[in-house]
Protein backbone atom coordinates (compact mmCIF):
# COMPACT_ATOMS: atom_id res chain seq x y z
CA MET A 1 90.43 107.73 94.11
CA ALA A 2 90.82 111.46 93.77
CA PRO A 3 88.04 113.89 95.20
CA SER A 4 85.86 115.29 92.22
CA ALA A 5 86.89 118.83 91.15
CA SER A 6 83.82 120.68 92.63
CA ALA A 7 85.20 119.52 96.00
CA SER A 8 86.55 121.80 98.44
CA ALA A 9 90.22 120.55 99.24
CA ALA A 10 89.88 121.30 102.88
CA THR A 11 87.04 118.48 103.28
CA TYR A 12 88.98 115.93 102.22
CA GLU A 13 92.29 114.26 103.98
CA PRO A 14 94.65 112.28 101.82
CA VAL A 15 95.81 109.04 103.36
CA TYR A 16 98.26 106.63 101.82
CA GLY A 17 96.90 103.42 101.16
CA ASN A 18 99.72 101.35 103.03
CA LYS A 19 99.48 102.90 106.28
CA ILE A 20 95.79 102.17 106.45
CA ILE A 21 94.68 99.21 108.58
CA LYS A 22 92.19 96.92 107.00
CA ILE A 23 89.82 95.53 109.70
CA ASP A 24 87.26 93.72 107.09
CA GLY A 25 85.92 94.50 103.77
CA ASP A 26 84.14 97.76 104.75
CA THR A 27 86.01 98.97 107.85
CA VAL A 28 89.37 100.22 108.18
CA ALA A 29 91.45 102.18 111.04
CA LEU A 30 93.10 105.51 109.69
CA PRO A 31 96.43 106.57 111.24
CA CYS A 32 96.15 109.70 113.37
CA PRO A 33 97.68 112.99 111.72
CA THR A 34 99.95 113.18 114.71
CA ILE A 35 101.73 109.79 115.12
CA GLY A 36 101.31 107.99 118.43
CA VAL A 37 101.27 104.52 119.72
CA GLY A 38 97.81 102.94 119.18
CA CYS A 39 96.25 106.02 117.71
CA THR A 40 93.86 105.36 114.94
CA GLU A 41 90.48 106.28 113.74
CA LYS A 42 88.03 103.51 113.03
CA VAL A 43 86.07 104.32 109.69
CA CYS A 44 83.36 102.24 107.96
CA PHE A 45 82.72 102.68 104.37
CA LEU A 46 79.44 104.37 103.36
CA ASP A 47 76.80 102.01 101.49
CA ILE A 48 79.19 99.15 101.57
CA ASP A 49 78.41 95.77 103.77
CA ALA A 50 80.93 93.46 103.66
CA PRO A 51 81.28 90.07 105.88
CA LYS A 52 83.11 90.83 109.10
CA THR A 53 86.34 89.17 110.48
CA PHE A 54 85.56 89.02 114.06
CA HIS A 55 83.05 86.33 114.46
CA PRO A 56 85.28 83.21 115.07
CA ASP A 57 82.07 81.05 115.68
CA ARG A 58 80.82 81.83 112.16
CA GLU A 59 83.60 79.75 110.15
CA GLU A 60 81.89 80.58 106.68
CA GLY A 61 81.38 84.36 107.47
CA LEU A 62 85.04 84.49 108.63
CA LYS A 63 86.27 82.94 105.52
CA LEU A 64 84.30 85.66 103.55
CA GLY A 65 85.40 88.36 105.79
CA LEU A 66 89.14 87.65 105.37
CA LYS A 67 88.47 87.42 101.54
CA ALA A 68 86.90 90.68 101.55
CA GLN A 69 89.74 92.21 103.58
CA ALA A 70 92.54 90.80 101.25
CA ARG A 71 90.93 92.40 98.28
CA LEU A 72 90.22 95.79 99.94
CA ALA A 73 94.18 95.55 101.02
CA GLN A 74 94.86 94.78 97.20
CA LEU A 75 92.76 97.81 96.18
CA LEU A 76 94.21 100.36 98.49
CA ARG A 77 97.90 99.06 98.02
CA GLY A 78 100.21 102.06 96.85
CA GLN A 79 96.98 104.42 96.22
CA THR A 80 96.56 107.55 97.80
CA VAL A 81 93.05 107.44 99.45
CA TYR A 82 91.11 110.77 100.11
CA VAL A 83 88.79 110.53 103.13
CA GLU A 84 85.53 112.47 103.76
CA GLY A 85 84.32 112.68 107.43
CA ILE A 86 80.50 112.04 106.90
CA ARG A 87 79.66 110.63 110.75
CA PRO A 88 81.23 108.52 113.64
CA ALA A 89 81.71 104.96 112.65
CA ARG A 90 78.58 102.81 113.20
CA TYR A 91 80.34 99.60 114.63
CA LEU A 92 82.59 100.99 117.35
């Protein structure tokens, strides 16, 4: 998950995957550079749309959202992720 060779190192921020909070399959919360209680930045993945985990009245969607969240956690575990800021999260 490293940035391409043509990318400027200043554009990307490395984040250790185990420190990323997985909200659902396409949204995470990144820890702030300066550690503080409740300090996170919500990020939605570009061009990915996964089922949400925050609709308890939609049981089937919730099951799929939790499955997507678990898969994302599996993919990020032990990895260094490089984040490039494009725009603010859409689902705030």
